[in-house]
Structure formats: structure tokens, C-alpha cells
């Protein structure tokens, strides 16, 4: 049997009203003094998609001849809660410098000079004209790491006179950790919460997944049943884009591979297949652990 590769998906991002609003609010907050914005919500609500889209838009539109243009970067934070004191600050900043500025540091971060590292990051941001940095998985950052970010903003905005907006993207303890430190909370000029999709936005997004959704009449009984199923708490936690789109994509692929019509039954089949196999895997792992294998 010859291998048949799947067709490439459509546009990477459908610009929803939430993404558009987030971009507008972040740009409105961007000032010379430096600040933070917080983007939070449940896993799958579209926070990372929004951050990556804004980074792409900023970098594509950047024009060296315009004094107002700048660059943006996306950085994924790792778990730092086991680090303590100076080790945490050095590890966090070294990781930040590697991902955002492609700077190299020794694997043993204990030998790094903190003031030199801070100043190097500030100079690098200014040299590359990076004024917007999204930190994804920011819920993993303990308060001390957020405090380090506030210090970095102070250095960049004051010493380097360079505008810098840090976008904190995450869930978990992020809102609580921000509020624990007054010096961090004062820097937060925007707090953007991502909600599940409503009917209208969900259908707009699904138009890009499969032609079936472009002719779906949500006023009809069948169309209403499809949308109610897709946006139900059991299937997508009430309409999280990170659950709705993959399910629709799996269903469309299943229908094509098996010569079926796309519809409610196909969506249910795709959902049940995943849920059944996941349940089997969990049971097998539980049995393996229980037997000591």
C-alpha cells in the first residue's frame, strides 16, 4: 500500500474577535516606560494561538525605515519552582536570553554574573529592536521569577530608554502570583481573559476546517444539533477552540478516508474513537503499574 500524506491544513490562525481585541489592547498599552499584560484562560482557549499570531503580524509589518516599528518574540517558560534564590534568577534569565536573543551561556549557570546578564539582555533587546515578548506557560513561573521580569523592564525602559511590553500567557497560578507582588501587579496594564467560543465565532473558525461548515444552517434542527454537540461541556468544555478545531479536523479526515458524509454522526464517531482509545490506554497503564511491571 502506498503512503498517502494528509493534505496541508488551511490558514494557521483564524483571527477571532478575541485575538483582534487582544492585539488592540496590547498595542494601546505599549508605552516607553515598560509594562506587562496578562493573557489567561483555560487550556485550549486560544491564548498561545493569539500570542503567536500577534508575533507574526508584528514581525511581518516591521519596517526598519519607520521609527514606530519594532520586533516581537515568543518564549516558552519551563518549570522553575525547584530553583531557589540566585539560581532561579540566573536560570530564568539565561533561558530568556537563549530563546529570545539566541545568546549562549554555560550549562552551569552558577558562574553567570547577574548584573552583566541583565545588561546584556537589555542591550540585546534594544539592538534587535524587540519591544514585545510573550512568555508562554507563565503560570509555571514562581513570584520570584516575575519579580525578576519587573526588574528587567525597569532596566530596559530606564537605562536603555527602550519600550518593552512583556506578555504573560498562562493559567495555573499566574493571576495569583501576579497579585502577590505589588511591584509586578503595578506593571500589569492589561488583563485579558480568553473565553470559550460562542456560536457565531465557532462557525467562522470551522469554515476554515471543512466545506461542510460553510453551508451548515445553524437555524435548522440538524445544524443546531451539530453546534450544540461541538460546544457542549462534555466535548469541548463549553467551546474551547483548542478542542473544537482538532475534533472537526479528525472528523473531516475520518469521513474522507471512509467515504462518509460529514455530519453529527461523524463528529461523534471521531470523539468516541479518541475517548475510547484514551480510556483503554489509561486502564492498561493502571494495570501495568498495579502489577509492578
C-alpha atoms as a PDB file:
ATOM      1  CA  UNK A   1       0.000   0.000   0.000  1.00  0.00           C
ATOM      2  CA  UNK A   2       1.414   3.378  -0.983  1.00  0.00           C
ATOM      3  CA  UNK A   3       1.682   6.072   1.645  1.00  0.00           C
ATOM      4  CA  UNK A   4      -0.839   8.890   1.266  1.00  0.00           C
ATOM      5  CA  UNK A   5       0.146  12.016   3.088  1.00  0.00           C
ATOM      6  CA  UNK A   6      -2.595  14.236   4.535  1.00  0.00           C
ATOM      7  CA  UNK A   7      -3.441  17.467   2.775  1.00  0.00           C
ATOM      8  CA  UNK A   8      -1.950  20.602   4.335  1.00  0.00           C
ATOM      9  CA  UNK A   9      -4.309  22.408   6.641  1.00  0.00           C
ATOM     10  CA  UNK A  10      -5.634  25.857   5.823  1.00  0.00           C
ATOM     11  CA  UNK A  11      -4.524  29.138   7.415  1.00  0.00           C
ATOM     12  CA  UNK A  12      -2.713  28.586  10.714  1.00  0.00           C
ATOM     13  CA  UNK A  13      -4.811  31.165  12.502  1.00  0.00           C
ATOM     14  CA  UNK A  14      -8.354  32.368  12.092  1.00  0.00           C
ATOM     15  CA  UNK A  15      -8.440  35.888  13.526  1.00  0.00           C
ATOM     16  CA  UNK A  16     -11.291  35.763  16.000  1.00  0.00           C
ATOM     17  CA  UNK A  17     -12.742  38.865  17.695  1.00  0.00           C
ATOM     18  CA  UNK A  18     -10.844  37.841  20.856  1.00  0.00           C
ATOM     19  CA  UNK A  19      -7.488  37.817  19.034  1.00  0.00           C
ATOM     20  CA  UNK A  20      -8.268  41.159  17.408  1.00  0.00           C
ATOM     21  CA  UNK A  21      -9.256  42.696  20.731  1.00  0.00           C
ATOM     22  CA  UNK A  22      -6.163  41.307  22.456  1.00  0.00           C
ATOM     23  CA  UNK A  23      -3.917  42.886  19.815  1.00  0.00           C
ATOM     24  CA  UNK A  24      -5.655  46.243  20.121  1.00  0.00           C
ATOM     25  CA  UNK A  25      -5.421  46.278  23.911  1.00  0.00           C
ATOM     26  CA  UNK A  26      -1.757  45.241  23.920  1.00  0.00           C
ATOM     27  CA  UNK A  27      -0.836  47.913  21.395  1.00  0.00           C
ATOM     28  CA  UNK A  28      -2.774  50.525  23.350  1.00  0.00           C
ATOM     29  CA  UNK A  29      -0.828  49.576  26.482  1.00  0.00           C
ATOM     30  CA  UNK A  30       2.593  49.715  24.797  1.00  0.00           C
ATOM     31  CA  UNK A  31       4.498  52.642  26.299  1.00  0.00           C
ATOM     32  CA  UNK A  32       8.085  53.781  26.737  1.00  0.00           C
ATOM     33  CA  UNK A  33       8.050  53.182  30.486  1.00  0.00           C
ATOM     34  CA  UNK A  34       7.535  49.437  30.018  1.00  0.00           C
ATOM     35  CA  UNK A  35       4.744  47.212  31.296  1.00  0.00           C
ATOM     36  CA  UNK A  36       3.223  43.750  31.429  1.00  0.00           C
ATOM     37  CA  UNK A  37      -0.007  42.375  30.010  1.00  0.00           C
ATOM     38  CA  UNK A  38      -1.602  39.132  31.204  1.00  0.00           C
ATOM     39  CA  UNK A  39      -3.405  36.703  28.881  1.00  0.00           C
ATOM     40  CA  UNK A  40      -5.111  33.918  30.772  1.00  0.00           C
ATOM     41  CA  UNK A  41      -7.913  31.389  30.480  1.00  0.00           C
ATOM     42  CA  UNK A  42      -8.407  27.628  30.349  1.00  0.00           C
ATOM     43  CA  UNK A  43      -6.065  25.350  28.412  1.00  0.00           C
ATOM     44  CA  UNK A  44      -7.283  25.323  24.813  1.00  0.00           C
ATOM     45  CA  UNK A  45      -8.914  28.749  24.963  1.00  0.00           C
ATOM     46  CA  UNK A  46      -6.575  30.124  22.268  1.00  0.00           C
ATOM     47  CA  UNK A  47      -4.048  32.124  24.299  1.00  0.00           C
ATOM     48  CA  UNK A  48      -0.945  30.713  22.610  1.00  0.00           C
ATOM     49  CA  UNK A  49      -2.566  30.949  19.173  1.00  0.00           C
ATOM     50  CA  UNK A  50      -3.265  34.622  19.809  1.00  0.00           C
ATOM     51  CA  UNK A  51       0.279  35.302  21.029  1.00  0.00           C
ATOM     52  CA  UNK A  52       1.887  33.589  18.028  1.00  0.00           C
ATOM     53  CA  UNK A  53      -0.416  35.417  15.617  1.00  0.00           C
ATOM     54  CA  UNK A  54       0.433  38.796  17.140  1.00  0.00           C
ATOM     55  CA  UNK A  55       4.157  37.993  16.948  1.00  0.00           C
ATOM     56  CA  UNK A  56       3.801  37.060  13.267  1.00  0.00           C
ATOM     57  CA  UNK A  57       1.800  40.202  12.488  1.00  0.00           C
ATOM     58  CA  UNK A  58       4.271  42.481  14.270  1.00  0.00           C
ATOM     59  CA  UNK A  59       7.321  40.938  12.597  1.00  0.00           C
ATOM     60  CA  UNK A  60       5.776  40.886   9.124  1.00  0.00           C
ATOM     61  CA  UNK A  61       4.809  44.547   9.410  1.00  0.00           C
ATOM     62  CA  UNK A  62       8.102  45.705  10.916  1.00  0.00           C
ATOM     63  CA  UNK A  63       9.724  48.339   8.744  1.00  0.00           C
ATOM     64  CA  UNK A  64      13.251  49.496   9.505  1.00  0.00           C
ATOM     65  CA  UNK A  65      12.510  52.870   7.961  1.00  0.00           C
ATOM     66  CA  UNK A  66       9.628  53.606  10.325  1.00  0.00           C
ATOM     67  CA  UNK A  67      10.548  54.927  13.738  1.00  0.00           C
ATOM     68  CA  UNK A  68       7.475  53.285  15.304  1.00  0.00           C
ATOM     69  CA  UNK A  69       8.078  49.730  14.064  1.00  0.00           C
ATOM     70  CA  UNK A  70       9.543  47.024  16.281  1.00  0.00           C
ATOM     71  CA  UNK A  71      10.002  43.256  16.587  1.00  0.00           C
ATOM     72  CA  UNK A  72       8.262  40.679  18.779  1.00  0.00           C
ATOM     73  CA  UNK A  73       9.308  37.292  20.179  1.00  0.00           C
ATOM     74  CA  UNK A  74       7.614  34.273  21.764  1.00  0.00           C
ATOM     75  CA  UNK A  75       9.326  32.484  24.646  1.00  0.00           C
ATOM     76  CA  UNK A  76       8.158  29.296  26.397  1.00  0.00           C
ATOM     77  CA  UNK A  77       8.945  29.204  30.113  1.00  0.00           C
ATOM     78  CA  UNK A  78       9.872  25.983  31.888  1.00  0.00           C
ATOM     79  CA  UNK A  79       9.192  24.768  35.410  1.00  0.00           C
ATOM     80  CA  UNK A  80      11.349  26.811  37.812  1.00  0.00           C
ATOM     81  CA  UNK A  81       9.710  26.091  41.145  1.00  0.00           C
ATOM     82  CA  UNK A  82      12.517  23.834  42.352  1.00  0.00           C
ATOM     83  CA  UNK A  83      15.120  26.550  41.851  1.00  0.00           C
ATOM     84  CA  UNK A  84      15.917  28.797  44.768  1.00  0.00           C
ATOM     85  CA  UNK A  85      17.363  32.249  45.237  1.00  0.00           C
ATOM     86  CA  UNK A  86      20.078  33.368  42.854  1.00  0.00           C
ATOM     87  CA  UNK A  87      19.974  30.019  40.998  1.00  0.00           C
ATOM     88  CA  UNK A  88      16.383  30.718  39.955  1.00  0.00           C
ATOM     89  CA  UNK A  89      17.154  34.216  38.663  1.00  0.00           C
ATOM     90  CA  UNK A  90      20.197  33.078  36.700  1.00  0.00           C
ATOM     91  CA  UNK A  91      18.485  30.072  35.182  1.00  0.00           C
ATOM     92  CA  UNK A  92      15.396  32.064  34.233  1.00  0.00           C
ATOM     93  CA  UNK A  93      17.312  34.954  32.658  1.00  0.00           C
ATOM     94  CA  UNK A  94      19.744  32.648  30.849  1.00  0.00           C
ATOM     95  CA  UNK A  95      16.818  30.741  29.359  1.00  0.00           C
ATOM     96  CA  UNK A  96      15.134  34.013  28.407  1.00  0.00           C
ATOM     97  CA  UNK A  97      18.324  35.227  26.709  1.00  0.00           C
ATOM     98  CA  UNK A  98      18.764  31.955  24.808  1.00  0.00           C
ATOM     99  CA  UNK A  99      15.216  31.804  23.449  1.00  0.00           C
ATOM    100  CA  UNK A 100      14.624  35.488  22.766  1.00  0.00           C
ATOM    101  CA  UNK A 101      18.091  36.731  21.799  1.00  0.00           C
ATOM    102  CA  UNK A 102      19.906  33.490  20.840  1.00  0.00           C
ATOM    103  CA  UNK A 103      22.655  34.298  23.354  1.00  0.00           C
ATOM    104  CA  UNK A 104      24.736  31.390  24.657  1.00  0.00           C
ATOM    105  CA  UNK A 105      25.637  30.739  28.286  1.00  0.00           C
ATOM    106  CA  UNK A 106      27.418  27.920  30.115  1.00  0.00           C
ATOM    107  CA  UNK A 107      25.209  24.991  31.179  1.00  0.00           C
ATOM    108  CA  UNK A 108      26.239  25.652  34.779  1.00  0.00           C
ATOM    109  CA  UNK A 109      24.500  28.984  35.344  1.00  0.00           C
ATOM    110  CA  UNK A 110      26.023  29.478  38.811  1.00  0.00           C
ATOM    111  CA  UNK A 111      29.044  31.214  37.304  1.00  0.00           C
ATOM    112  CA  UNK A 112      26.952  33.806  35.439  1.00  0.00           C
ATOM    113  CA  UNK A 113      27.246  37.410  36.611  1.00  0.00           C
ATOM    114  CA  UNK A 114      23.689  38.656  37.207  1.00  0.00           C
ATOM    115  CA  UNK A 115      24.193  42.399  36.505  1.00  0.00           C
ATOM    116  CA  UNK A 116      26.123  41.596  33.316  1.00  0.00           C
ATOM    117  CA  UNK A 117      23.368  39.190  32.231  1.00  0.00           C
ATOM    118  CA  UNK A 118      20.661  41.778  32.871  1.00  0.00           C
ATOM    119  CA  UNK A 119      22.519  44.483  30.992  1.00  0.00           C
ATOM    120  CA  UNK A 120      23.303  42.084  28.143  1.00  0.00           C
ATOM    121  CA  UNK A 121      19.613  41.253  27.727  1.00  0.00           C
ATOM    122  CA  UNK A 122      18.653  44.933  27.856  1.00  0.00           C
ATOM    123  CA  UNK A 123      21.258  45.834  25.223  1.00  0.00           C
ATOM    124  CA  UNK A 124      20.232  42.888  23.039  1.00  0.00           C
ATOM    125  CA  UNK A 125      16.565  43.849  23.102  1.00  0.00           C
ATOM    126  CA  UNK A 126      17.436  47.385  22.093  1.00  0.00           C
ATOM    127  CA  UNK A 127      19.929  46.308  19.413  1.00  0.00           C
ATOM    128  CA  UNK A 128      17.385  43.962  17.783  1.00  0.00           C
ATOM    129  CA  UNK A 129      14.523  46.413  18.414  1.00  0.00           C
ATOM    130  CA  UNK A 130      12.478  43.797  20.248  1.00  0.00           C
ATOM    131  CA  UNK A 131       9.767  45.631  22.163  1.00  0.00           C
ATOM    132  CA  UNK A 132       7.196  42.876  22.708  1.00  0.00           C
ATOM    133  CA  UNK A 133       7.931  39.468  24.241  1.00  0.00           C
ATOM    134  CA  UNK A 134       5.283  36.876  25.063  1.00  0.00           C
ATOM    135  CA  UNK A 135       6.215  34.430  27.809  1.00  0.00           C
ATOM    136  CA  UNK A 136       4.122  31.308  27.340  1.00  0.00           C
ATOM    137  CA  UNK A 137       3.418  28.877  30.186  1.00  0.00           C
ATOM    138  CA  UNK A 138       3.944  31.831  32.534  1.00  0.00           C
ATOM    139  CA  UNK A 139       1.812  30.012  35.107  1.00  0.00           C
ATOM    140  CA  UNK A 140       4.932  27.917  35.752  1.00  0.00           C
ATOM    141  CA  UNK A 141       6.867  30.977  36.891  1.00  0.00           C
ATOM    142  CA  UNK A 142       7.031  31.480  40.661  1.00  0.00           C
ATOM    143  CA  UNK A 143       6.601  35.026  42.029  1.00  0.00           C
ATOM    144  CA  UNK A 144      10.380  35.492  42.290  1.00  0.00           C
ATOM    145  CA  UNK A 145      10.766  34.990  38.534  1.00  0.00           C
ATOM    146  CA  UNK A 146       8.004  37.515  37.851  1.00  0.00           C
ATOM    147  CA  UNK A 147       9.834  39.945  40.136  1.00  0.00           C
ATOM    148  CA  UNK A 148      12.959  39.444  38.004  1.00  0.00           C
ATOM    149  CA  UNK A 149      10.926  40.379  34.933  1.00  0.00           C
ATOM    150  CA  UNK A 150       9.789  43.593  36.606  1.00  0.00           C
ATOM    151  CA  UNK A 151      13.442  44.420  37.314  1.00  0.00           C
ATOM    152  CA  UNK A 152      14.353  43.671  33.700  1.00  0.00           C
ATOM    153  CA  UNK A 153      11.621  46.024  32.480  1.00  0.00           C
ATOM    154  CA  UNK A 154      12.962  48.744  34.766  1.00  0.00           C
ATOM    155  CA  UNK A 155      16.479  48.327  33.379  1.00  0.00           C
ATOM    156  CA  UNK A 156      15.381  48.216  29.748  1.00  0.00           C
ATOM    157  CA  UNK A 157      12.932  51.117  29.971  1.00  0.00           C
ATOM    158  CA  UNK A 158      15.037  53.320  32.252  1.00  0.00           C
ATOM    159  CA  UNK A 159      18.700  52.620  31.496  1.00  0.00           C
ATOM    160  CA  UNK A 160      18.264  51.732  27.822  1.00  0.00           C
ATOM    161  CA  UNK A 161      15.238  54.022  27.182  1.00  0.00           C
ATOM    162  CA  UNK A 162      13.702  51.162  25.229  1.00  0.00           C
ATOM    163  CA  UNK A 163       9.952  50.382  25.284  1.00  0.00           C
ATOM    164  CA  UNK A 164       9.275  46.817  26.449  1.00  0.00           C
ATOM    165  CA  UNK A 165       5.966  45.034  26.898  1.00  0.00           C
ATOM    166  CA  UNK A 166       6.059  41.571  28.442  1.00  0.00           C
ATOM    167  CA  UNK A 167       3.003  39.442  27.686  1.00  0.00           C
ATOM    168  CA  UNK A 168       2.448  36.791  30.350  1.00  0.00           C
ATOM    169  CA  UNK A 169       0.484  33.915  28.801  1.00  0.00           C
ATOM    170  CA  UNK A 170      -0.755  31.129  31.040  1.00  0.00           C
ATOM    171  CA  UNK A 171      -3.106  29.665  33.560  1.00  0.00           C
ATOM    172  CA  UNK A 172      -2.466  27.735  36.796  1.00  0.00           C
ATOM    173  CA  UNK A 173      -1.157  30.182  39.429  1.00  0.00           C
ATOM    174  CA  UNK A 174      -0.457  33.097  37.100  1.00  0.00           C
ATOM    175  CA  UNK A 175      -3.182  35.527  38.310  1.00  0.00           C
ATOM    176  CA  UNK A 176      -2.408  34.729  41.965  1.00  0.00           C
ATOM    177  CA  UNK A 177       1.362  35.045  41.535  1.00  0.00           C
ATOM    178  CA  UNK A 178       0.970  38.415  39.811  1.00  0.00           C
ATOM    179  CA  UNK A 179      -1.166  39.753  42.637  1.00  0.00           C
ATOM    180  CA  UNK A 180       1.288  38.583  45.304  1.00  0.00           C
ATOM    181  CA  UNK A 181       3.889  41.173  44.308  1.00  0.00           C
ATOM    182  CA  UNK A 182       2.866  44.847  44.226  1.00  0.00           C
ATOM    183  CA  UNK A 183       5.867  45.746  42.054  1.00  0.00           C
ATOM    184  CA  UNK A 184       4.668  43.209  39.466  1.00  0.00           C
ATOM    185  CA  UNK A 185       0.950  43.968  39.725  1.00  0.00           C
ATOM    186  CA  UNK A 186       1.637  47.690  39.169  1.00  0.00           C
ATOM    187  CA  UNK A 187       3.318  46.814  35.886  1.00  0.00           C
ATOM    188  CA  UNK A 188       0.263  44.932  34.593  1.00  0.00           C
ATOM    189  CA  UNK A 189      -1.685  47.425  32.495  1.00  0.00           C
ATOM    190  CA  UNK A 190      -3.950  44.889  30.747  1.00  0.00           C
ATOM    191  CA  UNK A 191      -5.545  41.631  31.924  1.00  0.00           C
ATOM    192  CA  UNK A 192      -7.114  39.695  29.023  1.00  0.00           C
ATOM    193  CA  UNK A 193      -9.204  36.626  29.802  1.00  0.00           C
ATOM    194  CA  UNK A 194      -9.896  34.166  26.957  1.00  0.00           C
ATOM    195  CA  UNK A 195     -13.409  32.720  26.935  1.00  0.00           C
ATOM    196  CA  UNK A 196     -14.840  29.681  25.078  1.00  0.00           C
ATOM    197  CA  UNK A 197     -16.184  30.291  21.576  1.00  0.00           C
ATOM    198  CA  UNK A 198     -19.738  31.440  21.011  1.00  0.00           C
ATOM    199  CA  UNK A 199     -21.842  30.011  18.165  1.00  0.00           C
ATOM    200  CA  UNK A 200     -21.037  32.723  15.651  1.00  0.00           C
ATOM    201  CA  UNK A 201     -17.273  32.701  16.218  1.00  0.00           C
ATOM    202  CA  UNK A 202     -17.107  28.905  16.334  1.00  0.00           C
ATOM    203  CA  UNK A 203     -18.826  28.638  12.962  1.00  0.00           C
ATOM    204  CA  UNK A 204     -16.493  31.262  11.477  1.00  0.00           C
ATOM    205  CA  UNK A 205     -13.480  29.272  12.660  1.00  0.00           C
ATOM    206  CA  UNK A 206     -14.932  25.981  11.404  1.00  0.00           C
ATOM    207  CA  UNK A 207     -15.440  27.473   7.924  1.00  0.00           C
ATOM    208  CA  UNK A 208     -11.669  27.085   7.526  1.00  0.00           C
ATOM    209  CA  UNK A 209     -11.678  23.452   8.663  1.00  0.00           C
ATOM    210  CA  UNK A 210     -14.055  21.817   6.185  1.00  0.00           C
ATOM    211  CA  UNK A 211     -16.505  22.973   3.459  1.00  0.00           C
ATOM    212  CA  UNK A 212     -19.302  21.200   5.353  1.00  0.00           C
ATOM    213  CA  UNK A 213     -19.414  24.018   7.898  1.00  0.00           C
ATOM    214  CA  UNK A 214     -19.705  26.722   5.230  1.00  0.00           C
ATOM    215  CA  UNK A 215     -23.207  25.516   4.324  1.00  0.00           C
ATOM    216  CA  UNK A 216     -24.269  24.450   7.808  1.00  0.00           C
ATOM    217  CA  UNK A 217     -27.574  26.101   8.726  1.00  0.00           C
ATOM    218  CA  UNK A 218     -27.453  26.599  12.482  1.00  0.00           C
ATOM    219  CA  UNK A 219     -31.122  27.604  12.416  1.00  0.00           C
ATOM    220  CA  UNK A 220     -32.137  24.137  11.229  1.00  0.00           C
ATOM    221  CA  UNK A 221     -32.665  21.236  13.616  1.00  0.00           C
ATOM    222  CA  UNK A 222     -29.685  19.284  12.270  1.00  0.00           C
ATOM    223  CA  UNK A 223     -27.392  22.311  12.218  1.00  0.00           C
ATOM    224  CA  UNK A 224     -28.374  23.269  15.744  1.00  0.00           C
ATOM    225  CA  UNK A 225     -27.687  19.704  16.924  1.00  0.00           C
ATOM    226  CA  UNK A 226     -24.169  19.827  15.416  1.00  0.00           C
ATOM    227  CA  UNK A 227     -23.256  23.117  17.110  1.00  0.00           C
ATOM    228  CA  UNK A 228     -24.787  22.115  20.434  1.00  0.00           C
ATOM    229  CA  UNK A 229     -22.721  18.923  20.355  1.00  0.00           C
ATOM    230  CA  UNK A 230     -19.461  20.637  19.396  1.00  0.00           C
ATOM    231  CA  UNK A 231     -19.835  23.328  22.065  1.00  0.00           C
ATOM    232  CA  UNK A 232     -21.084  21.047  24.815  1.00  0.00           C
ATOM    233  CA  UNK A 233     -19.209  20.780  28.135  1.00  0.00           C
ATOM    234  CA  UNK A 234     -18.502  17.085  27.573  1.00  0.00           C
ATOM    235  CA  UNK A 235     -16.964  17.531  24.118  1.00  0.00           C
ATOM    236  CA  UNK A 236     -15.140  20.872  24.212  1.00  0.00           C
ATOM    237  CA  UNK A 237     -15.554  22.190  27.766  1.00  0.00           C
ATOM    238  CA  UNK A 238     -18.157  24.634  26.515  1.00  0.00           C
ATOM    239  CA  UNK A 239     -16.457  25.682  23.273  1.00  0.00           C
ATOM    240  CA  UNK A 240     -12.670  25.831  23.762  1.00  0.00           C
ATOM    241  CA  UNK A 241     -11.112  26.429  20.352  1.00  0.00           C
ATOM    242  CA  UNK A 242      -8.239  24.055  21.125  1.00  0.00           C
ATOM    243  CA  UNK A 243     -10.750  21.201  21.418  1.00  0.00           C
ATOM    244  CA  UNK A 244     -13.350  22.194  18.818  1.00  0.00           C
ATOM    245  CA  UNK A 245     -10.964  22.546  15.859  1.00  0.00           C
ATOM    246  CA  UNK A 246      -8.992  19.287  16.327  1.00  0.00           C
ATOM    247  CA  UNK A 247     -12.240  17.320  16.670  1.00  0.00           C
ATOM    248  CA  UNK A 248     -13.650  18.846  13.477  1.00  0.00           C
ATOM    249  CA  UNK A 249     -10.372  18.109  11.666  1.00  0.00           C
ATOM    250  CA  UNK A 250     -10.345  14.487  12.837  1.00  0.00           C
ATOM    251  CA  UNK A 251     -13.977  14.037  11.818  1.00  0.00           C
ATOM    252  CA  UNK A 252     -13.357  15.515   8.360  1.00  0.00           C
ATOM    253  CA  UNK A 253     -10.387  13.202   7.837  1.00  0.00           C
ATOM    254  CA  UNK A 254     -12.369  10.184   9.069  1.00  0.00           C
ATOM    255  CA  UNK A 255     -15.250  10.996   6.692  1.00  0.00           C
ATOM    256  CA  UNK A 256     -12.870  11.339   3.734  1.00  0.00           C
ATOM    257  CA  UNK A 257     -10.940   8.137   4.479  1.00  0.00           C
ATOM    258  CA  UNK A 258     -14.110   6.058   4.921  1.00  0.00           C
ATOM    259  CA  UNK A 259     -16.241   7.583   2.178  1.00  0.00           C
ATOM    260  CA  UNK A 260     -18.744   9.032   4.657  1.00  0.00           C
ATOM    261  CA  UNK A 261     -20.658  12.283   4.749  1.00  0.00           C
ATOM    262  CA  UNK A 262     -19.516  14.880   7.244  1.00  0.00           C
ATOM    263  CA  UNK A 263     -22.108  15.450   9.940  1.00  0.00           C
ATOM    264  CA  UNK A 264     -23.117  14.898  13.543  1.00  0.00           C
ATOM    265  CA  UNK A 265     -22.609  11.118  13.403  1.00  0.00           C
ATOM    266  CA  UNK A 266     -19.080  11.522  12.011  1.00  0.00           C
ATOM    267  CA  UNK A 267     -18.213  14.077  14.702  1.00  0.00           C
ATOM    268  CA  UNK A 268     -19.499  11.742  17.396  1.00  0.00           C
ATOM    269  CA  UNK A 269     -17.532   8.849  15.922  1.00  0.00           C
ATOM    270  CA  UNK A 270     -14.280  10.839  15.908  1.00  0.00           C
ATOM    271  CA  UNK A 271     -14.863  11.902  19.511  1.00  0.00           C
ATOM    272  CA  UNK A 272     -15.719   8.407  20.714  1.00  0.00           C
ATOM    273  CA  UNK A 273     -12.710   6.842  18.953  1.00  0.00           C
ATOM    274  CA  UNK A 274     -10.318   9.164  20.740  1.00  0.00           C
ATOM    275  CA  UNK A 275     -12.088   8.830  24.104  1.00  0.00           C
ATOM    276  CA  UNK A 276     -12.284   5.018  23.854  1.00  0.00           C
ATOM    277  CA  UNK A 277      -8.608   4.607  22.976  1.00  0.00           C
ATOM    278  CA  UNK A 278      -7.588   7.050  25.697  1.00  0.00           C
ATOM    279  CA  UNK A 279      -9.642   5.081  28.205  1.00  0.00           C
ATOM    280  CA  UNK A 280      -8.060   1.809  27.093  1.00  0.00           C
ATOM    281  CA  UNK A 281      -4.581   3.312  27.422  1.00  0.00           C
ATOM    282  CA  UNK A 282      -5.309   4.582  30.940  1.00  0.00           C
ATOM    283  CA  UNK A 283      -6.645   1.170  32.023  1.00  0.00           C
ATOM    284  CA  UNK A 284      -3.613  -0.626  30.584  1.00  0.00           C
ATOM    285  CA  UNK A 285      -1.244   1.730  32.374  1.00  0.00           C
ATOM    286  CA  UNK A 286      -3.157   1.310  35.643  1.00  0.00           C
ATOM    287  CA  UNK A 287      -2.965  -2.465  35.320  1.00  0.00           C
ATOM    288  CA  UNK A 288       0.750  -2.312  34.484  1.00  0.00           C
ATOM    289  CA  UNK A 289       1.512  -0.087  37.472  1.00  0.00           C
ATOM    290  CA  UNK A 290      -0.701  -2.193  39.719  1.00  0.00           C
ATOM    291  CA  UNK A 291       1.110  -5.370  38.763  1.00  0.00           C
ATOM    292  CA  UNK A 292       4.521  -3.780  39.233  1.00  0.00           C
ATOM    293  CA  UNK A 293       5.523  -4.019  35.561  1.00  0.00           C
END
